[in-house]
């Protein structure tokens, strides 16, 4: 393909002016390919040309570069990309060589926080034409299930994120054992048989454990030959018990877990901790940039110490803030008991911030990814309002969702001079989403909310049908009844317009509205509100997972012939 030298030159000049006159080849490569993705297929031919242009520009002084840049009008695609991309450059990143990883533990379903982590890792791998690994950090058999491995894979598939490689930390368990033995052999680890209470007290008091003084190799052989029971012994790092960073006070490296592993069964009982396995796996997997949430910030010291001791290559660790919404916790500590006790239906409950829950509620994967990238790579611990995500989702689905009628708190409406007939309604006011036939007579249901402040003689419009004039407000079996007459078809902008459901076309319908799952630290017993009413019969023909907009009510995701989950307004 033809290589656009003007594009390359404009990007290189801009980069040079931003870096004291020295354009960075990797950054220029990244911008060029980002602006012209087709170049990825011709990188072999493009790289020499880009390098030549960058070298040529770097020979100019910065004033010459600025003058020359002023003669260029950057292509619209570049301008747009620079304005919308909120992700900063990765430190020391080389184009084509960046490797990121998404390392979830398969101990639950993926949630919005996981979506942030995997989206950032995936986006950076694309920006630098690199790779992203999916690695299940499955070293705690007590909490892990095959169901959770599958749920994480399903979540990534829904987000349309395809890892370049999928693996498990448990694949390397015996290699990790060897690294543990090496730590002991070179004097950086020891077997500890103290109780958890003593260990906790010693760490608080900054006192070294007596086990640390033993040089008895029989203990090490006994540990790795499976001769200790669970909780009888652990392997600890010889750290610094006086370190102000409590993470460094002789942390655990290995422990014994009797529970069978979901993949390896009872074949292995000795398992490394996350703190020990992750730096080794990152290094050996070729990860160049390890992105992880800010909660691990104090553990970076341990991460790098283990790599230094074992003389392994060190990735660059980058922190970012966690993502959760107010009142909708991502913590499994808060979610799992509700599922185990049957308080909520499961991991796909629409009140949960799990990807399965958000999907069943009606959110689009592309809205979630756009939302995450809009937040950027920040350390600020904030809980963004879910309304921001709702706004992005609304823009995506508004033009593709059918507009249908649903009335809650239904009130009967009699239109005295209305004839039985069939009306044809558009499924969307501006898009061609088909039409639907509705049989009407002189009896309808309207929402009680629309009947507030109705006065005799008032003229209102039944949406997409005709105008009516209120002639009486009566009661029937103790319930309000509106009586009206048809008075024409002319649409008047100032006229009140209400939705309706024809009585002979009505189906009983229930919409479940998710509310905050927790108020403070307390479970909200009213977190799933059931709103009942009537919907037009057309809705019963729609398949599960269809998102529609009930006029004046909001977007909803169809679940059954008679129910839906409320997505948002």
Protein backbone atom coordinates (compact mmCIF):
# COMPACT_ATOMS: atom_id res chain seq x y z
CA UNK A 1 0.00 0.00 0.00
CA UNK A 2 1.04 3.62 -0.53
CA UNK A 3 2.67 5.20 2.54
CA UNK A 4 1.44 8.70 3.38
CA UNK A 5 4.66 10.69 3.97
CA UNK A 6 2.72 13.84 4.82
CA UNK A 7 0.91 12.03 7.61
CA UNK A 8 4.17 10.63 9.01
CA UNK A 9 5.94 14.00 8.79
CA UNK A 10 3.14 15.89 10.53
CA UNK A 11 3.05 13.37 13.39
CA UNK A 12 6.84 13.30 13.75
CA UNK A 13 7.07 17.12 13.78
CA UNK A 14 4.40 17.38 16.45
CA UNK A 15 6.11 14.74 18.57
CA UNK A 16 9.47 16.48 18.22
CA UNK A 17 8.02 19.83 19.31
CA UNK A 18 6.52 18.14 22.38
CA UNK A 19 9.86 16.56 23.36
CA UNK A 20 12.42 19.36 23.11
CA UNK A 21 13.19 18.78 19.46
CA UNK A 22 13.68 15.00 19.58
CA UNK A 23 10.90 12.91 18.07
CA UNK A 24 10.55 9.44 19.58
CA UNK A 25 10.38 6.70 16.99
CA UNK A 26 8.15 4.37 19.06
CA UNK A 27 5.64 7.13 19.80
CA UNK A 28 5.54 8.23 16.15
CA UNK A 29 5.05 4.62 15.02
CA UNK A 30 2.18 4.21 17.45
CA UNK A 31 0.44 7.41 16.31
CA UNK A 32 0.90 6.66 12.62
CA UNK A 33 -0.56 3.15 12.90
CA UNK A 34 -3.34 4.42 15.17
CA UNK A 35 -4.27 6.98 12.54
CA UNK A 36 -3.91 4.60 9.61
CA UNK A 37 -4.61 1.03 10.89
CA UNK A 38 -4.09 -0.47 7.43
CA UNK A 39 -0.38 0.20 7.87
CA UNK A 40 -0.21 -2.73 10.30
CA UNK A 41 -0.28 -5.02 7.28
CA UNK A 42 2.66 -3.18 5.70
CA UNK A 43 4.79 -2.38 8.76
CA UNK A 44 7.84 -4.06 7.30
CA UNK A 45 7.87 -1.54 4.46
CA UNK A 46 6.67 1.41 6.54
CA UNK A 47 9.17 1.26 9.43
CA UNK A 48 12.28 2.21 7.38
CA UNK A 49 10.38 5.14 5.83
CA UNK A 50 9.13 6.33 9.26
CA UNK A 51 12.63 5.99 10.76
CA UNK A 52 14.13 7.99 7.89
CA UNK A 53 11.61 10.83 8.34
CA UNK A 54 12.09 10.88 12.14
CA UNK A 55 15.90 11.04 11.73
CA UNK A 56 15.55 13.83 9.19
CA UNK A 57 13.33 15.89 11.51
CA UNK A 58 15.60 15.31 14.50
CA UNK A 59 18.46 16.97 12.57
CA UNK A 60 16.49 20.25 12.60
CA UNK A 61 16.58 22.58 15.60
CA UNK A 62 13.31 23.06 17.48
CA UNK A 63 12.56 26.48 15.93
CA UNK A 64 12.86 25.01 12.45
CA UNK A 65 10.60 22.15 13.52
CA UNK A 66 7.94 24.54 14.84
CA UNK A 67 8.00 26.60 11.64
CA UNK A 68 7.67 23.51 9.51
CA UNK A 69 4.86 22.11 11.72
CA UNK A 70 2.94 25.35 11.25
CA UNK A 71 2.72 24.63 7.52
CA UNK A 72 0.96 21.33 8.15
CA UNK A 73 -2.73 20.89 8.82
CA UNK A 74 -2.97 17.66 10.75
CA UNK A 75 -5.47 15.20 9.28
CA UNK A 76 -8.89 15.16 10.97
CA UNK A 77 -8.40 11.58 12.10
CA UNK A 78 -5.31 12.53 14.10
CA UNK A 79 -6.94 15.56 15.66
CA UNK A 80 -9.92 13.50 16.70
CA UNK A 81 -7.79 10.73 18.14
CA UNK A 82 -5.69 13.14 20.17
CA UNK A 83 -8.79 14.79 21.60
CA UNK A 84 -10.61 11.59 22.52
CA UNK A 85 -7.76 9.38 23.74
CA UNK A 86 -7.41 9.77 27.48
CA UNK A 87 -4.77 7.11 27.98
CA UNK A 88 -1.25 8.40 28.68
CA UNK A 89 1.78 6.86 26.98
CA UNK A 90 3.23 3.81 28.70
CA UNK A 91 6.71 4.44 30.13
CA UNK A 92 9.57 2.83 28.17
CA UNK A 93 7.11 1.23 25.75
CA UNK A 94 8.48 0.01 22.43
CA UNK A 95 6.14 -0.27 19.49
CA UNK A 96 5.45 -3.91 18.61
CA UNK A 97 7.00 -5.19 21.85
CA UNK A 98 4.45 -4.27 24.54
CA UNK A 99 2.92 -7.23 26.38
CA UNK A 100 0.12 -6.66 28.90
CA UNK A 101 -1.86 -9.18 30.92
CA UNK A 102 -5.25 -9.58 32.54
CA UNK A 103 -4.82 -11.90 35.56
CA UNK A 104 -8.20 -12.60 37.23
CA UNK A 105 -8.60 -15.22 39.93
CA UNK A 106 -11.44 -17.60 38.96
CA UNK A 107 -13.24 -17.12 42.29
CA UNK A 108 -16.37 -15.37 41.00
CA UNK A 109 -17.98 -13.78 37.96
CA UNK A 110 -16.24 -10.83 36.26
CA UNK A 111 -17.61 -7.40 37.18
CA UNK A 112 -17.30 -3.78 36.06
CA UNK A 113 -13.90 -3.53 37.79
CA UNK A 114 -12.63 -6.45 35.72
CA UNK A 115 -14.04 -4.74 32.62
CA UNK A 116 -11.91 -1.70 33.40
CA UNK A 117 -8.76 -3.77 33.91
CA UNK A 118 -9.13 -5.91 30.79
CA UNK A 119 -10.20 -2.99 28.59
CA UNK A 120 -7.17 -0.91 29.60
CA UNK A 121 -4.81 -3.82 29.02
CA UNK A 122 -6.41 -4.65 25.69
CA UNK A 123 -6.39 -1.02 24.52
CA UNK A 124 -2.72 -0.54 25.34
CA UNK A 125 -1.78 -3.74 23.53
CA UNK A 126 -3.58 -2.38 20.45
CA UNK A 127 -2.09 1.12 20.72
CA UNK A 128 1.42 -0.35 20.68
CA UNK A 129 0.64 -3.22 18.30
CA UNK A 130 1.56 -5.63 21.09
CA UNK A 131 -0.10 -8.56 22.85
CA UNK A 132 -2.40 -9.12 25.80
CA UNK A 133 -2.45 -12.34 27.81
CA UNK A 134 -5.37 -13.75 29.77
CA UNK A 135 -3.85 -15.58 32.74
CA UNK A 136 -6.01 -17.21 35.36
CA UNK A 137 -4.16 -16.73 38.65
CA UNK A 138 -5.61 -19.91 40.12
CA UNK A 139 -3.47 -20.63 43.17
CA UNK A 140 -6.20 -20.71 45.83
CA UNK A 141 -8.24 -23.90 45.29
CA UNK A 142 -10.52 -23.08 48.23
CA UNK A 143 -12.36 -20.39 46.26
CA UNK A 144 -12.06 -21.46 42.63
CA UNK A 145 -14.47 -23.28 40.32
CA UNK A 146 -14.57 -24.27 36.64
CA UNK A 147 -17.79 -22.22 36.44
CA UNK A 148 -15.77 -19.07 37.15
CA UNK A 149 -13.12 -19.79 34.49
CA UNK A 150 -15.95 -20.12 31.96
CA UNK A 151 -17.74 -17.00 33.22
CA UNK A 152 -14.59 -14.90 32.79
CA UNK A 153 -14.07 -16.19 29.25
CA UNK A 154 -17.73 -15.46 28.44
CA UNK A 155 -17.36 -11.94 29.84
CA UNK A 156 -14.36 -11.21 27.61
CA UNK A 157 -16.15 -12.67 24.59
CA UNK A 158 -19.13 -10.37 25.27
CA UNK A 159 -16.75 -7.39 25.50
CA UNK A 160 -15.27 -8.57 22.17
CA UNK A 161 -11.80 -8.80 23.68
CA UNK A 162 -9.62 -11.58 22.29
CA UNK A 163 -6.43 -12.38 24.23
CA UNK A 164 -3.40 -13.42 22.20
CA UNK A 165 -2.81 -16.25 24.68
CA UNK A 166 -4.81 -17.84 27.50
CA UNK A 167 -3.05 -19.74 30.28
CA UNK A 168 -3.26 -20.62 33.97
CA UNK A 169 -0.77 -19.98 36.75
CA UNK A 170 -1.45 -23.56 37.82
CA UNK A 171 0.15 -24.69 34.53
CA UNK A 172 3.49 -23.62 36.04
CA UNK A 173 2.96 -24.90 39.59
CA UNK A 174 6.00 -27.20 39.71
CA UNK A 175 8.23 -24.50 38.25
CA UNK A 176 6.98 -22.18 40.99
CA UNK A 177 7.86 -24.87 43.55
CA UNK A 178 11.41 -24.84 42.21
CA UNK A 179 11.61 -21.06 42.60
CA UNK A 180 10.39 -21.50 46.18
CA UNK A 181 13.11 -24.06 46.90
CA UNK A 182 15.67 -21.69 45.39
CA UNK A 183 14.54 -18.89 47.73
CA UNK A 184 15.17 -21.21 50.66
CA UNK A 185 18.50 -22.49 49.30
CA UNK A 186 19.94 -18.98 48.95
CA UNK A 187 18.75 -17.97 52.41
CA UNK A 188 15.76 -15.73 51.60
CA UNK A 189 12.92 -17.92 52.88
CA UNK A 190 12.12 -20.27 55.77
CA UNK A 191 9.52 -22.73 57.02
CA UNK A 192 7.32 -21.28 59.77
CA UNK A 193 5.24 -23.52 62.05
CA UNK A 194 3.87 -20.76 64.31
CA UNK A 195 0.13 -20.34 64.78
CA UNK A 196 -1.61 -17.61 62.81
CA UNK A 197 -2.20 -15.73 66.08
CA UNK A 198 1.52 -15.64 66.89
CA UNK A 199 2.42 -14.64 63.34
CA UNK A 200 -0.09 -11.80 63.47
CA UNK A 201 1.21 -10.61 66.86
CA UNK A 202 4.86 -10.77 65.81
CA UNK A 203 4.14 -8.77 62.67
CA UNK A 204 2.32 -6.11 64.70
CA UNK A 205 5.16 -6.00 67.27
CA UNK A 206 7.89 -6.07 64.57
CA UNK A 207 9.44 -9.20 66.14
CA UNK A 208 11.21 -11.87 64.12
CA UNK A 209 9.75 -15.36 64.33
CA UNK A 210 11.83 -18.04 66.14
CA UNK A 211 11.37 -20.31 63.11
CA UNK A 212 13.47 -17.89 61.11
CA UNK A 213 16.55 -18.93 63.08
CA UNK A 214 16.30 -22.61 62.23
CA UNK A 215 18.67 -23.96 59.61
CA UNK A 216 17.14 -27.45 59.67
CA UNK A 217 16.80 -28.58 56.06
CA UNK A 218 14.61 -31.45 57.17
CA UNK A 219 11.84 -28.87 57.61
CA UNK A 220 12.16 -27.76 53.99
CA UNK A 221 12.14 -31.35 52.69
CA UNK A 222 9.19 -32.16 54.90
CA UNK A 223 7.25 -29.18 53.54
CA UNK A 224 7.83 -29.83 49.84
CA UNK A 225 7.35 -33.59 50.29
CA UNK A 226 3.80 -33.00 51.56
CA UNK A 227 4.47 -34.14 55.11
CA UNK A 228 2.82 -31.16 56.81
CA UNK A 229 -0.93 -30.68 57.18
CA UNK A 230 -2.90 -27.59 56.21
CA UNK A 231 -2.24 -24.69 58.63
CA UNK A 232 0.64 -26.62 60.23
CA UNK A 233 3.39 -24.86 58.27
CA UNK A 234 3.96 -22.14 55.66
CA UNK A 235 6.94 -20.76 53.75
CA UNK A 236 7.75 -17.13 54.58
CA UNK A 237 10.11 -14.59 53.05
CA UNK A 238 12.98 -13.33 55.19
CA UNK A 239 11.88 -9.75 54.89
CA UNK A 240 12.34 -6.85 57.27
CA UNK A 241 10.18 -7.00 60.40
CA UNK A 242 10.97 -3.35 61.12
CA UNK A 243 9.80 -2.15 57.71
CA UNK A 244 7.10 0.52 57.93
CA UNK A 245 5.50 -1.24 54.97
CA UNK A 246 3.78 -4.13 56.77
CA UNK A 247 3.73 -6.13 53.52
CA UNK A 248 7.47 -6.63 53.92
CA UNK A 249 7.28 -8.16 57.40
CA UNK A 250 8.05 -11.75 56.42
CA UNK A 251 5.07 -12.31 54.08
CA UNK A 252 3.82 -15.80 53.22
CA UNK A 253 5.16 -17.29 49.98
CA UNK A 254 3.63 -20.80 50.10
CA UNK A 255 0.89 -22.51 52.09
CA UNK A 256 -0.79 -25.90 52.13
CA UNK A 257 -4.35 -26.16 50.81
CA UNK A 258 -6.18 -29.47 51.17
CA UNK A 259 -9.10 -28.53 48.89
CA UNK A 260 -8.89 -30.12 45.43
CA UNK A 261 -7.97 -27.73 42.61
CA UNK A 262 -10.60 -27.31 39.85
CA UNK A 263 -8.04 -28.25 37.17
CA UNK A 264 -5.42 -30.34 38.98
CA UNK A 265 -7.63 -32.08 41.53
CA UNK A 266 -5.71 -33.40 44.55
CA UNK A 267 -2.45 -33.65 42.62
CA UNK A 268 -1.03 -30.54 44.33
CA UNK A 269 -1.36 -29.38 47.97
CA UNK A 270 1.40 -26.76 48.09
CA UNK A 271 0.30 -23.46 46.58
CA UNK A 272 2.13 -20.15 46.18
CA UNK A 273 0.49 -16.94 47.32
CA UNK A 274 -0.53 -14.31 44.79
CA UNK A 275 2.39 -12.14 45.95
CA UNK A 276 4.92 -14.83 45.06
CA UNK A 277 3.40 -16.21 41.87
CA UNK A 278 2.49 -12.97 40.07
CA UNK A 279 5.95 -11.36 39.67
CA UNK A 280 7.46 -14.65 38.51
CA UNK A 281 4.63 -15.33 36.07
CA UNK A 282 4.74 -11.76 34.74
CA UNK A 283 8.47 -12.00 34.15
CA UNK A 284 8.43 -15.44 32.54
CA UNK A 285 5.37 -14.65 30.41
CA UNK A 286 7.20 -11.70 28.83
CA UNK A 287 4.90 -9.06 30.31
CA UNK A 288 6.43 -5.61 29.78
CA UNK A 289 3.79 -3.52 31.56
CA UNK A 290 1.82 -4.95 34.49
CA UNK A 291 -1.27 -2.82 35.09
CA UNK A 292 -2.98 -3.43 38.41
CA UNK A 293 -5.30 -1.62 40.78
CA UNK A 294 -4.04 0.84 43.35
CA UNK A 295 -4.83 -1.54 46.22
CA UNK A 296 -1.62 -3.40 45.33
CA UNK A 297 0.55 -0.28 45.54
CA UNK A 298 2.24 -1.28 48.83
CA UNK A 299 2.95 -4.72 47.38
CA UNK A 300 5.13 -3.35 44.58
CA UNK A 301 8.12 -3.36 46.93
CA UNK A 302 7.66 -7.10 47.46
CA UNK A 303 6.97 -7.67 43.74
CA UNK A 304 10.33 -6.18 42.74
CA UNK A 305 12.25 -7.74 45.67
CA UNK A 306 11.24 -11.26 44.64
CA UNK A 307 12.39 -10.59 41.06
CA UNK A 308 15.67 -9.12 42.32
CA UNK A 309 16.35 -12.12 44.56
CA UNK A 310 15.63 -14.58 41.74
CA UNK A 311 17.40 -12.37 39.17
CA UNK A 312 14.44 -12.31 36.84
CA UNK A 313 13.50 -9.64 34.31
CA UNK A 314 11.39 -6.86 35.83
CA UNK A 315 8.22 -5.60 34.11
CA UNK A 316 7.04 -2.03 34.70
CA UNK A 317 4.20 -1.96 37.21
CA UNK A 318 1.50 0.71 36.68
CA UNK A 319 -1.38 1.34 39.09
CA UNK A 320 -4.88 2.57 38.36
CA UNK A 321 -7.92 3.16 40.53
CA UNK A 322 -10.60 0.55 41.08
CA UNK A 323 -14.02 1.00 39.53
CA UNK A 324 -17.32 0.58 41.33
CA UNK A 325 -20.55 2.51 41.64
CA UNK A 326 -22.08 3.95 44.79
CA UNK A 327 -24.38 1.40 46.42
CA UNK A 328 -23.38 -1.35 43.95
CA UNK A 329 -20.36 -3.15 45.48
CA UNK A 330 -17.96 -5.24 43.42
CA UNK A 331 -16.59 -6.97 46.53
CA UNK A 332 -17.23 -10.73 46.51
CA UNK A 333 -17.29 -10.47 50.31
CA UNK A 334 -20.58 -8.57 49.97
CA UNK A 335 -21.98 -10.35 46.91
CA UNK A 336 -21.26 -14.03 47.56
CA UNK A 337 -23.20 -14.35 50.86
CA UNK A 338 -26.30 -12.91 49.16
CA UNK A 339 -26.04 -15.58 46.45
CA UNK A 340 -25.22 -18.42 48.87
CA UNK A 341 -28.19 -17.50 51.09
CA UNK A 342 -30.57 -17.19 48.13
CA UNK A 343 -31.22 -13.50 48.78
CA UNK A 344 -30.48 -12.72 45.14
CA UNK A 345 -30.90 -15.02 42.15
CA UNK A 346 -27.26 -15.48 41.17
CA UNK A 347 -24.21 -13.81 39.63
CA UNK A 348 -26.36 -12.52 36.75
CA UNK A 349 -28.81 -10.67 38.99
CA UNK A 350 -29.47 -7.25 37.37
CA UNK A 351 -28.70 -5.47 40.66
CA UNK A 352 -25.10 -6.64 40.49
CA UNK A 353 -22.21 -4.91 38.70
CA UNK A 354 -21.13 -8.25 37.20
CA UNK A 355 -20.89 -8.30 33.43
CA UNK A 356 -23.57 -11.01 33.39
CA UNK A 357 -25.82 -8.82 35.54
CA UNK A 358 -25.24 -5.70 33.44
CA UNK A 359 -25.84 -7.66 30.26
CA UNK A 360 -29.16 -9.06 31.49
CA UNK A 361 -30.13 -5.55 32.59
CA UNK A 362 -29.66 -4.33 29.02
CA UNK A 363 -26.28 -2.56 28.96
CA UNK A 364 -24.21 -2.83 25.78
CA UNK A 365 -20.62 -4.07 25.94
CA UNK A 366 -19.46 -1.20 23.74
CA UNK A 367 -20.94 1.33 26.19
CA UNK A 368 -19.01 -0.25 29.06
CA UNK A 369 -15.73 -0.13 27.12
CA UNK A 370 -16.31 3.46 26.07
CA UNK A 371 -17.12 4.37 29.66
CA UNK A 372 -13.90 2.76 30.94
CA UNK A 373 -11.71 4.47 28.36
CA UNK A 374 -13.41 7.77 29.17
CA UNK A 375 -12.26 7.42 32.78
CA UNK A 376 -8.66 6.96 31.63
CA UNK A 377 -5.72 5.61 33.63
CA UNK A 378 -6.13 7.52 36.88
CA UNK A 379 -5.22 6.91 40.51
CA UNK A 380 -8.04 9.02 41.91
CA UNK A 381 -10.30 6.87 44.07
CA UNK A 382 -13.70 8.03 42.89
CA UNK A 383 -17.02 6.28 42.39
CA UNK A 384 -18.39 7.68 39.14
CA UNK A 385 -22.16 8.01 38.89
CA UNK A 386 -23.79 5.16 37.00
CA UNK A 387 -25.75 7.85 35.14
CA UNK A 388 -22.61 8.49 33.05
CA UNK A 389 -22.64 4.90 31.83
CA UNK A 390 -26.40 5.09 31.30
CA UNK A 391 -25.97 8.17 29.11
CA UNK A 392 -23.42 6.39 26.89
CA UNK A 393 -25.63 3.33 26.67
CA UNK A 394 -28.68 5.44 25.80
CA UNK A 395 -26.87 7.02 22.85
CA UNK A 396 -25.95 3.59 21.52
CA UNK A 397 -29.40 1.98 21.76
CA UNK A 398 -31.75 4.90 21.20
CA UNK A 399 -31.90 4.55 17.43
CA UNK A 400 -32.25 0.77 17.39
CA UNK A 401 -34.90 0.22 20.08
CA UNK A 402 -38.58 -0.11 19.30
CA UNK A 403 -40.93 2.30 21.07
CA UNK A 404 -43.80 0.42 22.71
CA UNK A 405 -46.54 1.25 25.20
CA UNK A 406 -46.69 0.13 28.83
CA UNK A 407 -48.92 1.65 31.51
CA UNK A 408 -48.26 1.21 35.22
CA UNK A 409 -50.94 1.78 37.89
CA UNK A 410 -53.52 1.39 35.10
CA UNK A 411 -56.75 3.39 35.00
CA UNK A 412 -59.65 2.49 32.68
CA UNK A 413 -60.47 4.93 29.90
CA UNK A 414 -63.76 4.81 27.95
CA UNK A 415 -63.90 6.74 24.65
CA UNK A 416 -67.64 6.86 23.94
CA UNK A 417 -67.56 7.47 20.19
CA UNK A 418 -64.53 5.36 19.28
CA UNK A 419 -65.12 2.53 16.81
CA UNK A 420 -63.51 -0.90 16.78
CA UNK A 421 -60.74 -0.77 14.22
CA UNK A 422 -57.17 -1.80 13.46
CA UNK A 423 -54.43 0.84 13.65
CA UNK A 424 -50.93 0.59 12.24
CA UNK A 425 -48.19 2.12 14.41
CA UNK A 426 -44.51 2.75 13.63
CA UNK A 427 -42.10 0.91 15.92
CA UNK A 428 -39.80 3.97 15.94
CA UNK A 429 -40.59 7.62 15.23
CA UNK A 430 -37.66 8.22 12.85
CA UNK A 431 -36.05 4.86 12.03
CA UNK A 432 -37.43 2.09 9.87
CA UNK A 433 -37.89 -0.59 12.55
CA UNK A 434 -41.11 -1.95 11.13
CA UNK A 435 -44.75 -1.47 12.10
CA UNK A 436 -47.29 -3.25 14.29
CA UNK A 437 -51.06 -3.76 14.05
CA UNK A 438 -53.19 -3.02 17.11
CA UNK A 439 -56.89 -3.73 17.39
CA UNK A 440 -58.68 -1.04 19.36
CA UNK A 441 -62.23 -0.51 20.58
CA UNK A 442 -63.61 2.12 22.93
CA UNK A 443 -61.84 0.79 26.05
CA UNK A 444 -58.24 1.56 27.00
CA UNK A 445 -55.84 1.59 29.93
CA UNK A 446 -53.80 4.68 30.76
CA UNK A 447 -51.33 5.34 33.57
CA UNK A 448 -52.70 6.84 36.78
CA UNK A 449 -49.74 9.27 36.74
CA UNK A 450 -51.09 10.72 33.48
CA UNK A 451 -54.51 11.25 35.05
CA UNK A 452 -53.29 13.60 37.77
CA UNK A 453 -54.81 17.06 37.42
CA UNK A 454 -57.15 15.98 34.63
CA UNK A 455 -60.16 18.31 34.46
CA UNK A 456 -63.52 18.00 32.79
CA UNK A 457 -63.44 19.50 29.31
CA UNK A 458 -59.66 19.12 28.98
CA UNK A 459 -58.45 17.91 25.58
CA UNK A 460 -55.50 15.49 25.49
CA UNK A 461 -53.98 13.25 22.84
CA UNK A 462 -53.65 9.48 22.89
CA UNK A 463 -50.20 9.18 21.34
CA UNK A 464 -50.15 8.11 17.68
CA UNK A 465 -53.95 7.75 17.76
CA UNK A 466 -56.36 10.69 18.20
CA UNK A 467 -57.45 13.49 20.53
CA UNK A 468 -59.98 13.04 23.31
CA UNK A 469 -61.93 15.42 25.56
CA UNK A 470 -62.56 14.45 29.18
CA UNK A 471 -66.31 14.34 29.85
CA UNK A 472 -66.41 12.60 33.23
CA UNK A 473 -64.19 11.17 35.97
CA UNK A 474 -66.09 8.41 37.72
CA UNK A 475 -65.49 5.32 39.85
CA UNK A 476 -66.19 1.68 39.04
CA UNK A 477 -65.91 -0.91 41.83
CA UNK A 478 -64.05 1.68 43.86
CA UNK A 479 -61.53 2.43 41.09
CA UNK A 480 -61.10 5.59 39.03
CA UNK A 481 -62.53 5.56 35.49
CA UNK A 482 -61.96 8.25 32.86
CA UNK A 483 -64.77 8.87 30.35
CA UNK A 484 -64.01 10.86 27.19
CA UNK A 485 -65.08 11.59 23.64
CA UNK A 486 -63.01 11.48 20.46
CA UNK A 487 -62.63 15.04 19.15
CA UNK A 488 -60.35 14.86 16.10
CA UNK A 489 -56.85 14.02 14.89
CA UNK A 490 -55.09 17.37 14.68
CA UNK A 491 -51.79 17.41 16.64
CA UNK A 492 -51.30 20.49 18.77
CA UNK A 493 -47.80 20.91 20.25
CA UNK A 494 -49.05 22.29 23.57
CA UNK A 495 -51.51 19.46 24.04
CA UNK A 496 -50.80 16.86 26.78
CA UNK A 497 -49.89 13.50 25.19
CA UNK A 498 -50.22 10.17 26.99
CA UNK A 499 -49.46 6.55 26.13
CA UNK A 500 -52.18 3.91 26.23
CA UNK A 501 -52.89 0.23 25.88
CA UNK A 502 -56.08 -1.00 24.22
CA UNK A 503 -58.06 -3.25 26.57
CA UNK A 504 -58.52 -5.98 23.95
CA UNK A 505 -54.77 -5.89 23.16
CA UNK A 506 -53.46 -5.73 26.74
CA UNK A 507 -51.27 -8.31 28.50
CA UNK A 508 -50.42 -8.30 32.19
CA UNK A 509 -46.81 -7.14 32.41
CA UNK A 510 -44.21 -6.76 35.15
CA UNK A 511 -41.06 -4.66 35.04
CA UNK A 512 -38.36 -5.26 37.66
CA UNK A 513 -36.44 -2.12 38.54
CA UNK A 514 -32.98 -2.60 40.14
CA UNK A 515 -32.20 -0.17 42.94
CA UNK A 516 -29.09 0.26 45.11
CA UNK A 517 -28.07 -3.15 46.45
CA UNK A 518 -26.54 -1.66 49.58
CA UNK A 519 -27.33 1.49 51.51
CA UNK A 520 -24.15 2.14 53.43
CA UNK A 521 -23.10 -1.32 54.68
CA UNK A 522 -26.62 -2.65 54.87
CA UNK A 523 -28.39 -4.79 52.26
CA UNK A 524 -31.31 -2.89 50.74
CA UNK A 525 -34.38 -5.13 51.06
CA UNK A 526 -36.13 -2.94 48.48
CA UNK A 527 -33.36 -3.23 45.91
CA UNK A 528 -35.56 -4.89 43.27
CA UNK A 529 -38.88 -3.11 42.77
CA UNK A 530 -41.67 -4.84 40.87
CA UNK A 531 -43.90 -2.52 38.82
CA UNK A 532 -47.01 -4.11 37.35
CA UNK A 533 -49.34 -2.89 34.65
CA UNK A 534 -50.41 -3.59 31.09
CA UNK A 535 -48.33 -3.75 27.92
CA UNK A 536 -49.51 -4.11 24.35
CA UNK A 537 -49.58 -7.75 23.22
CA UNK A 538 -46.83 -7.16 20.61
CA UNK A 539 -44.25 -7.27 23.41
CA UNK A 540 -45.06 -10.92 24.12
CA UNK A 541 -43.67 -11.91 20.73
CA UNK A 542 -40.23 -10.44 21.39
CA UNK A 543 -37.33 -12.73 22.25
CA UNK A 544 -35.42 -12.65 25.51
CA UNK A 545 -32.61 -10.10 25.44
CA UNK A 546 -34.44 -7.63 23.19
CA UNK A 547 -34.06 -4.09 24.51
CA UNK A 548 -37.08 -1.85 23.93
CA UNK A 549 -38.13 1.58 25.10
CA UNK A 550 -41.46 1.78 26.86
CA UNK A 551 -42.59 5.30 26.09
CA UNK A 552 -42.35 7.69 29.04
CA UNK A 553 -41.09 4.83 31.22
CA UNK A 554 -37.62 3.87 30.04
CA UNK A 555 -35.47 1.28 28.29
CA UNK A 556 -36.09 -2.33 29.34
CA UNK A 557 -34.59 -5.73 28.50
CA UNK A 558 -37.20 -8.38 27.72
CA UNK A 559 -36.95 -11.52 29.87
CA UNK A 560 -40.20 -13.46 29.40
CA UNK A 561 -43.51 -12.99 27.57
CA UNK A 562 -44.73 -11.01 30.57
CA UNK A 563 -41.68 -9.44 32.20
CA UNK A 564 -38.61 -7.28 31.62
CA UNK A 565 -35.74 -5.73 33.54
CA UNK A 566 -35.54 -1.96 33.65
CA UNK A 567 -32.28 -0.73 32.11
CA UNK A 568 -32.45 3.04 32.58
CA UNK A 569 -34.44 6.04 31.43
